[in-house]
Amino acid sequence: METLHIPGKKDSPEIYFGPDIDTFQIEGVSLPTNPIEFYEPVFEWLHEFLYSPDISSMVKINFKMDYFNTSSMKQFAKLFRIIDNSPAKEKVSINWFYDEEDIDMLDAGKRFGQFVNIHFDFIKNFE
């Protein structure tokens, strides 16, 4: 499998998923004009990875979001369902980063964690 790297822009997050690393990254702002189209390559890559022998060790996915809209929230829910329905779900955990004063971001991560059987760690950003 090849690495998936989507550079971040002012309205879309940087995404870095690589089969040869153990920590994937989704970081920035998520307000893409067409979130279904934007996230489709991410879903395809993740599905292929989770159903392949490439996942031999634990994988963490860092969510370091500054902001995301409702349409992006739906796409994140789909991403978590893809993980939750995969045979490799026990090998995946989520690091959900939030700023101490941004309780809404923390609450969003907790809500995601409640509807899937994936391990979530909630980590305060220290900047």
C-alpha atoms as a PDB file:
ATOM      1  CA  MET A   1       0.000   0.000   0.000  1.00  0.00           C
ATOM      2  CA  GLU A   2       1.068   3.525  -0.687  1.00  0.00           C
ATOM      3  CA  THR A   3       0.963   6.358   1.806  1.00  0.00           C
ATOM      4  CA  LEU A   4      -2.058   8.651   1.680  1.00  0.00           C
ATOM      5  CA  HIS A   5      -1.101  12.294   2.159  1.00  0.00           C
ATOM      6  CA  ILE A   6      -3.579  15.107   1.602  1.00  0.00           C
ATOM      7  CA  PRO A   7      -2.016  18.496   2.386  1.00  0.00           C
ATOM      8  CA  GLY A   8      -4.033  20.758   4.640  1.00  0.00           C
ATOM      9  CA  LYS A   9      -5.688  23.896   3.317  1.00  0.00           C
ATOM     10  CA  LYS A  10      -7.620  26.698   4.965  1.00  0.00           C
ATOM     11  CA  ASP A  11     -10.858  24.676   4.716  1.00  0.00           C
ATOM     12  CA  SER A  12      -9.607  21.092   4.853  1.00  0.00           C
ATOM     13  CA  PRO A  13      -7.357  19.134   7.212  1.00  0.00           C
ATOM     14  CA  GLU A  14      -3.997  17.587   6.542  1.00  0.00           C
ATOM     15  CA  ILE A  15      -4.348  13.822   6.391  1.00  0.00           C
ATOM     16  CA  TYR A  16      -1.385  11.492   6.632  1.00  0.00           C
ATOM     17  CA  PHE A  17      -1.932   7.723   6.666  1.00  0.00           C
ATOM     18  CA  GLY A  18       0.979   5.405   5.965  1.00  0.00           C
ATOM     19  CA  PRO A  19       1.146   1.623   6.124  1.00  0.00           C
ATOM     20  CA  ASP A  20       4.708   1.768   7.446  1.00  0.00           C
ATOM     21  CA  ILE A  21       3.973   3.996  10.466  1.00  0.00           C
ATOM     22  CA  ASP A  22       1.973   3.379  13.622  1.00  0.00           C
ATOM     23  CA  THR A  23       0.429   6.844  14.045  1.00  0.00           C
ATOM     24  CA  PHE A  24      -1.883   8.397  11.467  1.00  0.00           C
ATOM     25  CA  GLN A  25      -2.832  12.068  11.488  1.00  0.00           C
ATOM     26  CA  ILE A  26      -5.919  14.166  10.747  1.00  0.00           C
ATOM     27  CA  GLU A  27      -5.208  17.768  11.679  1.00  0.00           C
ATOM     28  CA  GLY A  28      -6.559  21.238  11.096  1.00  0.00           C
ATOM     29  CA  VAL A  29      -9.909  22.652  10.037  1.00  0.00           C
ATOM     30  CA  SER A  30     -12.555  20.606   8.224  1.00  0.00           C
ATOM     31  CA  LEU A  31     -14.958  22.707   6.174  1.00  0.00           C
ATOM     32  CA  PRO A  32     -14.575  21.206   2.684  1.00  0.00           C
ATOM     33  CA  THR A  33     -17.115  22.254   0.060  1.00  0.00           C
ATOM     34  CA  ASN A  34     -17.940  18.614  -0.656  1.00  0.00           C
ATOM     35  CA  PRO A  35     -17.002  16.560   2.434  1.00  0.00           C
ATOM     36  CA  ILE A  36     -18.222  13.271   0.929  1.00  0.00           C
ATOM     37  CA  GLU A  37     -15.879  13.697  -2.040  1.00  0.00           C
ATOM     38  CA  PHE A  38     -13.025  14.967   0.136  1.00  0.00           C
ATOM     39  CA  TYR A  39     -13.121  12.058   2.605  1.00  0.00           C
ATOM     40  CA  GLU A  40     -13.839   9.249   0.111  1.00  0.00           C
ATOM     41  CA  PRO A  41     -10.127   8.524  -0.584  1.00  0.00           C
ATOM     42  CA  VAL A  42      -9.555   8.390   3.181  1.00  0.00           C
ATOM     43  CA  PHE A  43     -12.334   5.823   3.618  1.00  0.00           C
ATOM     44  CA  GLU A  44     -11.072   3.738   0.697  1.00  0.00           C
ATOM     45  CA  TRP A  45      -7.482   3.759   1.984  1.00  0.00           C
ATOM     46  CA  LEU A  46      -8.503   2.972   5.553  1.00  0.00           C
ATOM     47  CA  HIS A  47     -10.828   0.154   4.512  1.00  0.00           C
ATOM     48  CA  GLU A  48      -8.101  -1.424   2.372  1.00  0.00           C
ATOM     49  CA  PHE A  49      -5.567  -1.073   5.195  1.00  0.00           C
ATOM     50  CA  LEU A  50      -7.836  -2.509   7.907  1.00  0.00           C
ATOM     51  CA  TYR A  51      -8.637  -5.563   5.796  1.00  0.00           C
ATOM     52  CA  SER A  52      -5.031  -6.217   4.760  1.00  0.00           C
ATOM     53  CA  PRO A  53      -2.167  -8.049   6.455  1.00  0.00           C
ATOM     54  CA  ASP A  54      -0.321  -4.688   6.664  1.00  0.00           C
ATOM     55  CA  ILE A  55      -1.838  -3.991  10.071  1.00  0.00           C
ATOM     56  CA  SER A  56       0.345  -6.142  12.259  1.00  0.00           C
ATOM     57  CA  SER A  57       0.748  -3.808  15.226  1.00  0.00           C
ATOM     58  CA  MET A  58      -1.271  -1.199  17.096  1.00  0.00           C
ATOM     59  CA  VAL A  59      -2.203   1.909  15.133  1.00  0.00           C
ATOM     60  CA  LYS A  60      -3.130   5.266  16.610  1.00  0.00           C
ATOM     61  CA  ILE A  61      -5.074   7.911  14.737  1.00  0.00           C
ATOM     62  CA  ASN A  62      -4.411  11.430  15.993  1.00  0.00           C
ATOM     63  CA  PHE A  63      -7.372  13.764  15.579  1.00  0.00           C
ATOM     64  CA  LYS A  64      -6.050  17.294  16.089  1.00  0.00           C
ATOM     65  CA  MET A  65      -8.947  19.359  14.880  1.00  0.00           C
ATOM     66  CA  ASP A  66      -9.178  23.114  15.326  1.00  0.00           C
ATOM     67  CA  TYR A  67     -12.738  23.132  14.009  1.00  0.00           C
ATOM     68  CA  PHE A  68     -15.101  20.982  11.973  1.00  0.00           C
ATOM     69  CA  ASN A  69     -18.630  21.490  10.730  1.00  0.00           C
ATOM     70  CA  THR A  70     -21.644  19.184  10.893  1.00  0.00           C
ATOM     71  CA  SER A  71     -20.971  17.736   7.431  1.00  0.00           C
ATOM     72  CA  SER A  72     -17.441  16.800   8.490  1.00  0.00           C
ATOM     73  CA  MET A  73     -18.764  15.357  11.738  1.00  0.00           C
ATOM     74  CA  LYS A  74     -20.855  12.939   9.664  1.00  0.00           C
ATOM     75  CA  GLN A  75     -17.751  11.909   7.742  1.00  0.00           C
ATOM     76  CA  PHE A  76     -15.819  11.330  10.973  1.00  0.00           C
ATOM     77  CA  ALA A  77     -18.688   9.151  12.197  1.00  0.00           C
ATOM     78  CA  LYS A  78     -18.412   7.132   8.987  1.00  0.00           C
ATOM     79  CA  LEU A  79     -14.648   6.781   9.501  1.00  0.00           C
ATOM     80  CA  PHE A  80     -15.190   5.471  13.032  1.00  0.00           C
ATOM     81  CA  ARG A  81     -17.813   3.007  11.773  1.00  0.00           C
ATOM     82  CA  ILE A  82     -15.370   1.712   9.156  1.00  0.00           C
ATOM     83  CA  ILE A  83     -12.867   1.042  11.953  1.00  0.00           C
ATOM     84  CA  ASP A  84     -15.502  -0.404  14.289  1.00  0.00           C
ATOM     85  CA  ASN A  85     -16.770  -2.836  11.636  1.00  0.00           C
ATOM     86  CA  SER A  86     -13.310  -4.026  10.596  1.00  0.00           C
ATOM     87  CA  PRO A  87     -11.563  -7.189  11.770  1.00  0.00           C
ATOM     88  CA  ALA A  88      -8.650  -5.021  12.964  1.00  0.00           C
ATOM     89  CA  LYS A  89     -10.638  -2.720  15.277  1.00  0.00           C
ATOM     90  CA  GLU A  90      -8.850  -4.056  18.371  1.00  0.00           C
ATOM     91  CA  LYS A  91      -5.570  -2.774  16.883  1.00  0.00           C
ATOM     92  CA  VAL A  92      -6.776   0.810  16.408  1.00  0.00           C
ATOM     93  CA  SER A  93      -7.076   3.561  18.990  1.00  0.00           C
ATOM     94  CA  ILE A  94      -7.958   7.226  18.664  1.00  0.00           C
ATOM     95  CA  ASN A  95      -6.023  10.097  20.235  1.00  0.00           C
ATOM     96  CA  TRP A  96      -8.516  12.979  20.386  1.00  0.00           C
ATOM     97  CA  PHE A  97      -6.691  16.252  21.040  1.00  0.00           C
ATOM     98  CA  TYR A  98      -8.423  19.334  22.424  1.00  0.00           C
ATOM     99  CA  ASP A  99      -7.532  22.714  23.850  1.00  0.00           C
ATOM    100  CA  GLU A 100      -8.245  23.083  27.555  1.00  0.00           C
ATOM    101  CA  GLU A 101     -10.678  25.935  26.952  1.00  0.00           C
ATOM    102  CA  ASP A 102     -12.422  24.142  24.048  1.00  0.00           C
ATOM    103  CA  ILE A 103     -14.892  21.946  25.929  1.00  0.00           C
ATOM    104  CA  ASP A 104     -17.013  21.560  22.759  1.00  0.00           C
ATOM    105  CA  MET A 105     -14.160  19.734  21.014  1.00  0.00           C
ATOM    106  CA  LEU A 106     -13.699  17.445  24.014  1.00  0.00           C
ATOM    107  CA  ASP A 107     -17.439  16.748  24.145  1.00  0.00           C
ATOM    108  CA  ALA A 108     -17.500  15.949  20.417  1.00  0.00           C
ATOM    109  CA  GLY A 109     -14.755  13.353  20.888  1.00  0.00           C
ATOM    110  CA  LYS A 110     -16.575  11.829  23.839  1.00  0.00           C
ATOM    111  CA  ARG A 111     -19.786  11.552  21.808  1.00  0.00           C
ATOM    112  CA  PHE A 112     -17.927   9.754  19.012  1.00  0.00           C
ATOM    113  CA  GLY A 113     -16.375   7.415  21.555  1.00  0.00           C
ATOM    114  CA  GLN A 114     -19.776   6.485  22.960  1.00  0.00           C
ATOM    115  CA  PHE A 115     -21.223   5.084  19.760  1.00  0.00           C
ATOM    116  CA  VAL A 116     -18.332   2.838  18.660  1.00  0.00           C
ATOM    117  CA  ASN A 117     -16.219   0.166  20.321  1.00  0.00           C
ATOM    118  CA  ILE A 118     -12.893   1.849  19.673  1.00  0.00           C
ATOM    119  CA  HIS A 119     -10.512   2.992  22.381  1.00  0.00           C
ATOM    120  CA  PHE A 120     -10.345   6.805  22.670  1.00  0.00           C
ATOM    121  CA  ASP A 121      -7.716   8.741  24.613  1.00  0.00           C
ATOM    122  CA  PHE A 122      -8.480  12.408  25.258  1.00  0.00           C
ATOM    123  CA  ILE A 123      -5.345  14.541  25.279  1.00  0.00           C
ATOM    124  CA  LYS A 124      -5.026  18.230  26.154  1.00  0.00           C
ATOM    125  CA  ASN A 125      -2.971  20.272  23.718  1.00  0.00           C
ATOM    126  CA  PHE A 126      -0.025  21.945  25.414  1.00  0.00           C
ATOM    127  CA  GLU A 127       1.200  24.879  23.370  1.00  0.00           C
END
